[in-house]
Amino acid sequence: MLSCLSQGILKIEPFNEKCLNPAGYDLRCAEDLTIPPKTHALAYSMEYIALPTSMIGILQIRSSLAREGVIGSFGFVDPGFRGQLTLQLFNSSSTPISIKKGERIVQLVFIKLSSTPLRSYSGAYQDSRGVVLSKRKS
């Protein structure tokens, strides 16, 4: 992954080496957020990601948040995606959960594809900034 970053094939901005881990990169929350009990909230990554067409990303909630009752619902990060990632979080606990700006909330795992896809991502969420609501009905 470091070689992809240094060659500019993969972009993570701002990059923080402390967020790098053996299986991927921990994305941080861009804003302070409190999720009331039994409620969902949308957050977004501090980092702007640009994946090459040779790679996909899989998001997983960090286990420390899962142990407090936070459940994440995430899709794949498609080859060629660029932007900040909107993250759907659900607080299944009976107490509010606060997440601080800059706190690591999800792990982005990178998987190299064995072949280049016929087309890269060019959908409605390309170049996203901030929380982006569903465009399913637009």
N, C-alpha and C. Protein backbone atom coordinates (compact mmCIF):
# COMPACT_ATOMS: atom_id res chain seq x y z
N MET A 1 0.82 -1.19 0.00
CA MET A 1 0.00 0.00 0.00
C MET A 1 0.87 1.25 0.00
N LEU A 2 1.94 1.25 0.78
CA LEU A 2 2.82 2.42 0.82
C LEU A 2 3.42 2.72 -0.55
N SER A 3 3.76 1.68 -1.31
CA SER A 3 4.32 1.92 -2.64
C SER A 3 3.27 2.55 -3.55
N CYS A 4 2.02 2.12 -3.44
CA CYS A 4 0.94 2.73 -4.23
C CYS A 4 0.75 4.20 -3.85
N LEU A 5 0.85 4.50 -2.56
CA LEU A 5 0.73 5.89 -2.10
C LEU A 5 1.90 6.73 -2.60
N SER A 6 3.11 6.23 -2.47
CA SER A 6 4.29 7.01 -2.86
C SER A 6 4.35 7.23 -4.38
N GLN A 7 3.79 6.30 -5.15
CA GLN A 7 3.77 6.44 -6.61
C GLN A 7 2.56 7.25 -7.10
N GLY A 8 1.66 7.61 -6.19
CA GLY A 8 0.48 8.38 -6.56
C GLY A 8 -0.63 7.55 -7.19
N ILE A 9 -0.50 6.23 -7.12
CA ILE A 9 -1.52 5.33 -7.67
C ILE A 9 -2.76 5.36 -6.77
N LEU A 10 -2.55 5.40 -5.48
CA LEU A 10 -3.59 5.48 -4.46
C LEU A 10 -3.41 6.79 -3.72
N LYS A 11 -4.53 7.50 -3.48
CA LYS A 11 -4.44 8.77 -2.74
C LYS A 11 -5.30 8.71 -1.48
N ILE A 12 -4.72 9.17 -0.38
CA ILE A 12 -5.42 9.35 0.89
C ILE A 12 -4.96 10.70 1.42
N GLU A 13 -5.88 11.67 1.46
CA GLU A 13 -5.50 13.02 1.89
C GLU A 13 -6.52 13.56 2.90
N PRO A 14 -6.11 14.02 4.07
CA PRO A 14 -4.74 14.02 4.57
C PRO A 14 -4.34 12.62 5.05
N PHE A 15 -3.10 12.25 4.78
CA PHE A 15 -2.57 10.96 5.17
C PHE A 15 -1.91 11.09 6.54
N ASN A 16 -2.17 10.11 7.42
CA ASN A 16 -1.56 10.08 8.74
C ASN A 16 -1.00 8.68 8.94
N GLU A 17 0.30 8.56 9.06
CA GLU A 17 0.93 7.25 9.18
C GLU A 17 0.41 6.45 10.37
N LYS A 18 -0.07 7.14 11.42
CA LYS A 18 -0.61 6.44 12.59
C LYS A 18 -1.90 5.69 12.26
N CYS A 19 -2.55 6.04 11.17
CA CYS A 19 -3.79 5.38 10.77
C CYS A 19 -3.54 4.15 9.88
N LEU A 20 -2.30 3.96 9.48
CA LEU A 20 -1.93 2.82 8.65
C LEU A 20 -1.86 1.58 9.51
N ASN A 21 -2.40 0.48 9.02
CA ASN A 21 -2.32 -0.78 9.76
C ASN A 21 -2.04 -1.91 8.79
N PRO A 22 -1.77 -3.11 9.28
CA PRO A 22 -1.36 -4.20 8.38
C PRO A 22 -2.36 -4.53 7.27
N ALA A 23 -3.65 -4.34 7.53
CA ALA A 23 -4.66 -4.72 6.55
C ALA A 23 -5.26 -3.55 5.78
N GLY A 24 -4.94 -2.33 6.15
CA GLY A 24 -5.55 -1.19 5.48
C GLY A 24 -5.23 0.12 6.16
N TYR A 25 -6.22 0.99 6.19
CA TYR A 25 -6.05 2.34 6.71
C TYR A 25 -7.29 2.71 7.51
N ASP A 26 -7.10 3.29 8.70
CA ASP A 26 -8.22 3.74 9.52
C ASP A 26 -8.64 5.14 9.11
N LEU A 27 -9.90 5.27 8.71
CA LEU A 27 -10.44 6.58 8.36
C LEU A 27 -10.97 7.27 9.60
N ARG A 28 -10.82 8.60 9.63
CA ARG A 28 -11.21 9.39 10.79
C ARG A 28 -12.50 10.16 10.52
N CYS A 29 -13.22 10.43 11.58
CA CYS A 29 -14.46 11.19 11.51
C CYS A 29 -14.13 12.66 11.25
N ALA A 30 -14.83 13.28 10.30
CA ALA A 30 -14.53 14.65 9.92
C ALA A 30 -15.11 15.69 10.88
N GLU A 31 -16.11 15.31 11.67
CA GLU A 31 -16.76 16.25 12.58
C GLU A 31 -17.14 15.55 13.88
N ASP A 32 -17.31 16.33 14.94
CA ASP A 32 -17.85 15.77 16.18
C ASP A 32 -19.26 15.25 15.90
N LEU A 33 -19.60 14.14 16.53
CA LEU A 33 -20.89 13.51 16.27
C LEU A 33 -21.37 12.80 17.53
N THR A 34 -22.62 13.00 17.89
CA THR A 34 -23.24 12.22 18.97
C THR A 34 -24.44 11.51 18.36
N ILE A 35 -24.46 10.19 18.54
CA ILE A 35 -25.56 9.37 18.01
C ILE A 35 -26.46 8.97 19.17
N PRO A 36 -27.71 9.45 19.19
CA PRO A 36 -28.63 9.06 20.27
C PRO A 36 -28.90 7.56 20.23
N PRO A 37 -29.38 7.00 21.35
CA PRO A 37 -29.70 5.57 21.38
C PRO A 37 -30.71 5.18 20.30
N LYS A 38 -30.52 3.99 19.74
CA LYS A 38 -31.45 3.41 18.77
C LYS A 38 -31.71 4.32 17.57
N THR A 39 -30.67 5.04 17.15
CA THR A 39 -30.79 6.02 16.07
C THR A 39 -29.64 5.84 15.09
N HIS A 40 -29.91 6.16 13.82
CA HIS A 40 -28.81 6.13 12.85
C HIS A 40 -28.36 7.56 12.57
N ALA A 41 -27.13 7.68 12.12
CA ALA A 41 -26.57 8.98 11.79
C ALA A 41 -25.63 8.81 10.60
N LEU A 42 -25.44 9.89 9.87
CA LEU A 42 -24.48 9.89 8.77
C LEU A 42 -23.27 10.70 9.19
N ALA A 43 -22.11 10.12 8.98
CA ALA A 43 -20.84 10.81 9.22
C ALA A 43 -20.08 10.77 7.90
N TYR A 44 -18.94 11.44 7.85
CA TYR A 44 -18.11 11.33 6.66
C TYR A 44 -16.65 11.32 7.05
N SER A 45 -15.86 10.74 6.17
CA SER A 45 -14.43 10.59 6.45
C SER A 45 -13.72 11.93 6.31
N MET A 46 -12.75 12.14 7.19
CA MET A 46 -11.88 13.30 7.09
C MET A 46 -11.06 13.20 5.80
N GLU A 47 -10.74 11.95 5.43
CA GLU A 47 -9.87 11.71 4.29
C GLU A 47 -10.62 11.72 2.96
N TYR A 48 -9.97 12.27 1.97
CA TYR A 48 -10.40 12.19 0.58
C TYR A 48 -9.63 11.01 -0.01
N ILE A 49 -10.35 10.07 -0.61
CA ILE A 49 -9.76 8.84 -1.14
C ILE A 49 -9.83 8.88 -2.67
N ALA A 50 -8.80 8.40 -3.33
CA ALA A 50 -8.84 8.17 -4.78
C ALA A 50 -8.26 6.79 -5.02
N LEU A 51 -9.15 5.85 -5.37
CA LEU A 51 -8.72 4.47 -5.63
C LEU A 51 -8.36 4.31 -7.10
N PRO A 52 -7.32 3.55 -7.39
CA PRO A 52 -7.02 3.22 -8.78
C PRO A 52 -8.05 2.23 -9.31
N THR A 53 -8.10 2.04 -10.60
CA THR A 53 -9.04 1.08 -11.19
C THR A 53 -8.64 -0.37 -10.90
N SER A 54 -7.46 -0.57 -10.36
CA SER A 54 -6.97 -1.92 -10.06
C SER A 54 -7.26 -2.36 -8.62
N MET A 55 -8.08 -1.58 -7.89
CA MET A 55 -8.25 -1.83 -6.46
C MET A 55 -9.69 -1.53 -6.03
N ILE A 56 -10.20 -2.32 -5.06
CA ILE A 56 -11.47 -1.99 -4.41
C ILE A 56 -11.20 -1.79 -2.92
N GLY A 57 -12.13 -1.17 -2.25
CA GLY A 57 -12.02 -0.99 -0.81
C GLY A 57 -13.22 -1.61 -0.11
N ILE A 58 -12.96 -2.16 1.07
CA ILE A 58 -14.02 -2.69 1.92
C ILE A 58 -13.94 -1.96 3.25
N LEU A 59 -15.06 -1.46 3.73
CA LEU A 59 -15.11 -0.72 4.99
C LEU A 59 -15.63 -1.62 6.11
N GLN A 60 -15.00 -1.51 7.27
CA GLN A 60 -15.42 -2.23 8.47
C GLN A 60 -15.41 -1.25 9.65
N ILE A 61 -16.42 -1.33 10.49
CA ILE A 61 -16.44 -0.49 11.70
C ILE A 61 -15.28 -0.91 12.60
N ARG A 62 -14.66 0.03 13.28
CA ARG A 62 -13.59 -0.33 14.21
C ARG A 62 -14.21 -1.09 15.39
N SER A 63 -13.50 -2.10 15.84
CA SER A 63 -14.06 -2.99 16.87
C SER A 63 -14.37 -2.26 18.17
N SER A 64 -13.60 -1.21 18.49
CA SER A 64 -13.88 -0.47 19.73
C SER A 64 -15.26 0.18 19.69
N LEU A 65 -15.66 0.69 18.53
CA LEU A 65 -17.01 1.26 18.40
C LEU A 65 -18.07 0.16 18.37
N ALA A 66 -17.78 -0.94 17.71
CA ALA A 66 -18.73 -2.06 17.68
C ALA A 66 -19.00 -2.57 19.09
N ARG A 67 -17.98 -2.58 19.94
CA ARG A 67 -18.14 -3.05 21.32
C ARG A 67 -19.01 -2.12 22.15
N GLU A 68 -19.17 -0.88 21.69
CA GLU A 68 -20.05 0.07 22.37
C GLU A 68 -21.46 0.03 21.79
N GLY A 69 -21.66 -0.72 20.71
CA GLY A 69 -22.99 -0.84 20.12
C GLY A 69 -23.16 -0.15 18.78
N VAL A 70 -22.09 0.38 18.19
CA VAL A 70 -22.21 1.04 16.89
C VAL A 70 -22.14 -0.02 15.78
N ILE A 71 -23.11 0.04 14.90
CA ILE A 71 -23.17 -0.85 13.74
C ILE A 71 -23.01 0.02 12.50
N GLY A 72 -22.19 -0.41 11.57
CA GLY A 72 -22.00 0.33 10.32
C GLY A 72 -22.57 -0.43 9.14
N SER A 73 -23.15 0.30 8.21
CA SER A 73 -23.65 -0.30 6.97
C SER A 73 -22.91 0.36 5.82
N PHE A 74 -22.08 -0.42 5.14
CA PHE A 74 -21.21 0.15 4.11
C PHE A 74 -21.24 -0.70 2.85
N GLY A 75 -21.11 -0.06 1.71
CA GLY A 75 -20.94 -0.77 0.45
C GLY A 75 -19.46 -0.88 0.14
N PHE A 76 -19.16 -1.52 -0.97
CA PHE A 76 -17.78 -1.55 -1.45
C PHE A 76 -17.39 -0.16 -1.92
N VAL A 77 -16.11 0.16 -1.85
CA VAL A 77 -15.59 1.37 -2.48
C VAL A 77 -15.09 0.91 -3.84
N ASP A 78 -15.78 1.35 -4.88
CA ASP A 78 -15.53 0.86 -6.23
C ASP A 78 -14.20 1.31 -6.82
N PRO A 79 -13.66 0.52 -7.75
CA PRO A 79 -12.45 0.92 -8.46
C PRO A 79 -12.66 2.27 -9.13
N GLY A 80 -11.71 3.17 -8.97
CA GLY A 80 -11.80 4.49 -9.58
C GLY A 80 -12.57 5.52 -8.77
N PHE A 81 -13.10 5.14 -7.60
CA PHE A 81 -13.85 6.10 -6.78
C PHE A 81 -12.92 7.19 -6.27
N ARG A 82 -13.44 8.43 -6.24
CA ARG A 82 -12.74 9.57 -5.64
C ARG A 82 -13.72 10.31 -4.74
N GLY A 83 -13.27 10.69 -3.56
CA GLY A 83 -14.10 11.51 -2.69
C GLY A 83 -13.98 11.15 -1.23
N GLN A 84 -14.70 11.91 -0.41
CA GLN A 84 -14.84 11.55 0.99
C GLN A 84 -15.95 10.52 1.07
N LEU A 85 -15.88 9.64 2.06
CA LEU A 85 -16.85 8.57 2.18
C LEU A 85 -17.92 8.91 3.21
N THR A 86 -19.18 8.82 2.81
CA THR A 86 -20.30 8.97 3.74
C THR A 86 -20.49 7.63 4.44
N LEU A 87 -20.61 7.68 5.76
CA LEU A 87 -20.66 6.48 6.58
C LEU A 87 -21.97 6.43 7.35
N GLN A 88 -22.74 5.35 7.17
CA GLN A 88 -24.00 5.18 7.87
C GLN A 88 -23.73 4.40 9.14
N LEU A 89 -24.04 5.01 10.29
CA LEU A 89 -23.78 4.41 11.60
C LEU A 89 -25.09 4.29 12.37
N PHE A 90 -25.22 3.21 13.13
CA PHE A 90 -26.41 3.00 13.96
C PHE A 90 -25.97 2.70 15.38
N ASN A 91 -26.54 3.42 16.33
CA ASN A 91 -26.26 3.19 17.75
C ASN A 91 -27.31 2.22 18.29
N SER A 92 -26.91 0.97 18.47
CA SER A 92 -27.84 -0.05 18.97
C SER A 92 -27.92 -0.08 20.49
N SER A 93 -27.14 0.76 21.16
CA SER A 93 -27.11 0.75 22.62
C SER A 93 -28.22 1.63 23.20
N SER A 94 -28.32 1.64 24.52
CA SER A 94 -29.34 2.44 25.20
C SER A 94 -28.79 3.77 25.70
N THR A 95 -27.54 4.09 25.34
CA THR A 95 -26.94 5.37 25.75
C THR A 95 -26.37 6.09 24.52
N PRO A 96 -26.31 7.42 24.56
CA PRO A 96 -25.71 8.16 23.44
C PRO A 96 -24.24 7.78 23.27
N ILE A 97 -23.78 7.80 22.04
CA ILE A 97 -22.37 7.53 21.75
C ILE A 97 -21.80 8.75 21.04
N SER A 98 -20.73 9.30 21.61
CA SER A 98 -20.07 10.46 21.03
C SER A 98 -18.79 10.03 20.32
N ILE A 99 -18.60 10.62 19.15
CA ILE A 99 -17.40 10.39 18.35
C ILE A 99 -16.78 11.76 18.10
N LYS A 100 -15.52 11.89 18.40
CA LYS A 100 -14.83 13.17 18.26
C LYS A 100 -14.26 13.35 16.86
N LYS A 101 -14.19 14.58 16.42
CA LYS A 101 -13.53 14.90 15.16
C LYS A 101 -12.10 14.35 15.21
N GLY A 102 -11.71 13.64 14.17
CA GLY A 102 -10.37 13.07 14.10
C GLY A 102 -10.25 11.67 14.67
N GLU A 103 -11.32 11.18 15.31
CA GLU A 103 -11.30 9.83 15.88
C GLU A 103 -11.40 8.80 14.75
N ARG A 104 -10.63 7.73 14.87
CA ARG A 104 -10.67 6.66 13.87
C ARG A 104 -11.97 5.87 14.05
N ILE A 105 -12.75 5.77 12.97
CA ILE A 105 -14.07 5.13 13.09
C ILE A 105 -14.25 3.89 12.22
N VAL A 106 -13.65 3.86 11.06
CA VAL A 106 -13.75 2.69 10.19
C VAL A 106 -12.38 2.34 9.62
N GLN A 107 -12.23 1.06 9.30
CA GLN A 107 -11.02 0.62 8.63
C GLN A 107 -11.36 0.39 7.16
N LEU A 108 -10.54 0.96 6.29
CA LEU A 108 -10.67 0.75 4.85
C LEU A 108 -9.62 -0.28 4.45
N VAL A 109 -10.08 -1.44 4.02
CA VAL A 109 -9.20 -2.53 3.59
C VAL A 109 -9.11 -2.48 2.07
N PHE A 110 -7.90 -2.49 1.55
CA PHE A 110 -7.67 -2.43 0.11
C PHE A 110 -7.45 -3.83 -0.45
N ILE A 111 -8.10 -4.11 -1.57
CA ILE A 111 -7.93 -5.40 -2.23
C ILE A 111 -7.56 -5.15 -3.69
N LYS A 112 -6.42 -5.69 -4.08
CA LYS A 112 -5.96 -5.55 -5.46
C LYS A 112 -6.73 -6.54 -6.34
N LEU A 113 -7.25 -6.04 -7.44
CA LEU A 113 -8.01 -6.89 -8.36
C LEU A 113 -7.05 -7.68 -9.25
N SER A 114 -7.45 -8.86 -9.66
CA SER A 114 -6.60 -9.69 -10.52
C SER A 114 -6.61 -9.19 -11.96
N SER A 115 -7.63 -8.42 -12.33
CA SER A 115 -7.66 -7.81 -13.66
C SER A 115 -8.38 -6.47 -13.56
N THR A 116 -8.15 -5.62 -14.53
CA THR A 116 -8.77 -4.30 -14.55
C THR A 116 -10.23 -4.43 -14.99
N PRO A 117 -11.16 -3.79 -14.27
CA PRO A 117 -12.57 -3.88 -14.67
C PRO A 117 -12.82 -3.19 -16.02
N LEU A 118 -13.92 -3.54 -16.66
CA LEU A 118 -14.26 -2.94 -17.95
C LEU A 118 -14.45 -1.44 -17.84
N ARG A 119 -14.97 -0.99 -16.71
CA ARG A 119 -15.12 0.46 -16.49
C ARG A 119 -14.92 0.75 -15.01
N SER A 120 -14.46 1.94 -14.73
CA SER A 120 -14.27 2.34 -13.33
C SER A 120 -15.50 3.12 -12.86
N TYR A 121 -15.54 3.40 -11.57
CA TYR A 121 -16.68 4.10 -10.99
C TYR A 121 -16.81 5.50 -11.57
N SER A 122 -18.03 5.85 -11.96
CA SER A 122 -18.31 7.21 -12.44
C SER A 122 -19.73 7.60 -12.04
N GLY A 123 -20.18 7.08 -10.89
CA GLY A 123 -21.55 7.26 -10.45
C GLY A 123 -21.82 8.59 -9.77
N ALA A 124 -23.00 8.67 -9.19
CA ALA A 124 -23.53 9.90 -8.60
C ALA A 124 -22.73 10.41 -7.40
N TYR A 125 -21.91 9.57 -6.80
CA TYR A 125 -21.18 9.98 -5.60
C TYR A 125 -19.71 10.29 -5.88
N GLN A 126 -19.33 10.30 -7.16
CA GLN A 126 -17.94 10.61 -7.51
C GLN A 126 -17.60 12.03 -7.05
N ASP A 127 -16.42 12.20 -6.49
CA ASP A 127 -15.90 13.49 -6.00
C ASP A 127 -16.74 14.05 -4.84
N SER A 128 -17.33 13.18 -4.04
CA SER A 128 -18.14 13.59 -2.89
C SER A 128 -17.31 14.37 -1.88
N ARG A 129 -17.94 15.35 -1.28
CA ARG A 129 -17.36 16.11 -0.17
C ARG A 129 -18.43 16.22 0.91
N GLY A 130 -18.06 15.89 2.14
CA GLY A 130 -19.02 15.96 3.24
C GLY A 130 -20.02 14.82 3.18
N VAL A 131 -21.06 14.91 4.02
CA VAL A 131 -22.12 13.90 4.02
C VAL A 131 -22.93 14.07 2.74
N VAL A 132 -23.12 12.99 2.02
CA VAL A 132 -23.92 13.02 0.80
C VAL A 132 -25.12 12.11 1.03
N LEU A 133 -26.32 12.69 0.95
CA LEU A 133 -27.54 11.91 1.13
C LEU A 133 -27.78 11.01 -0.07
N SER A 134 -28.68 10.06 0.09
CA SER A 134 -28.99 9.11 -0.98
C SER A 134 -29.46 9.84 -2.23
N LYS A 135 -28.95 9.40 -3.36
CA LYS A 135 -29.39 9.93 -4.65
C LYS A 135 -30.22 8.89 -5.40
N ARG A 136 -30.68 7.89 -4.68
CA ARG A 136 -31.42 6.78 -5.26
C ARG A 136 -32.68 7.24 -5.99
N LYS A 137 -33.38 8.23 -5.46
CA LYS A 137 -34.64 8.69 -6.05
C LYS A 137 -34.48 9.95 -6.89
N SER A 138 -33.24 10.40 -7.12
CA SER A 138 -33.07 11.63 -7.89
C SER A 138 -33.04 11.36 -9.37
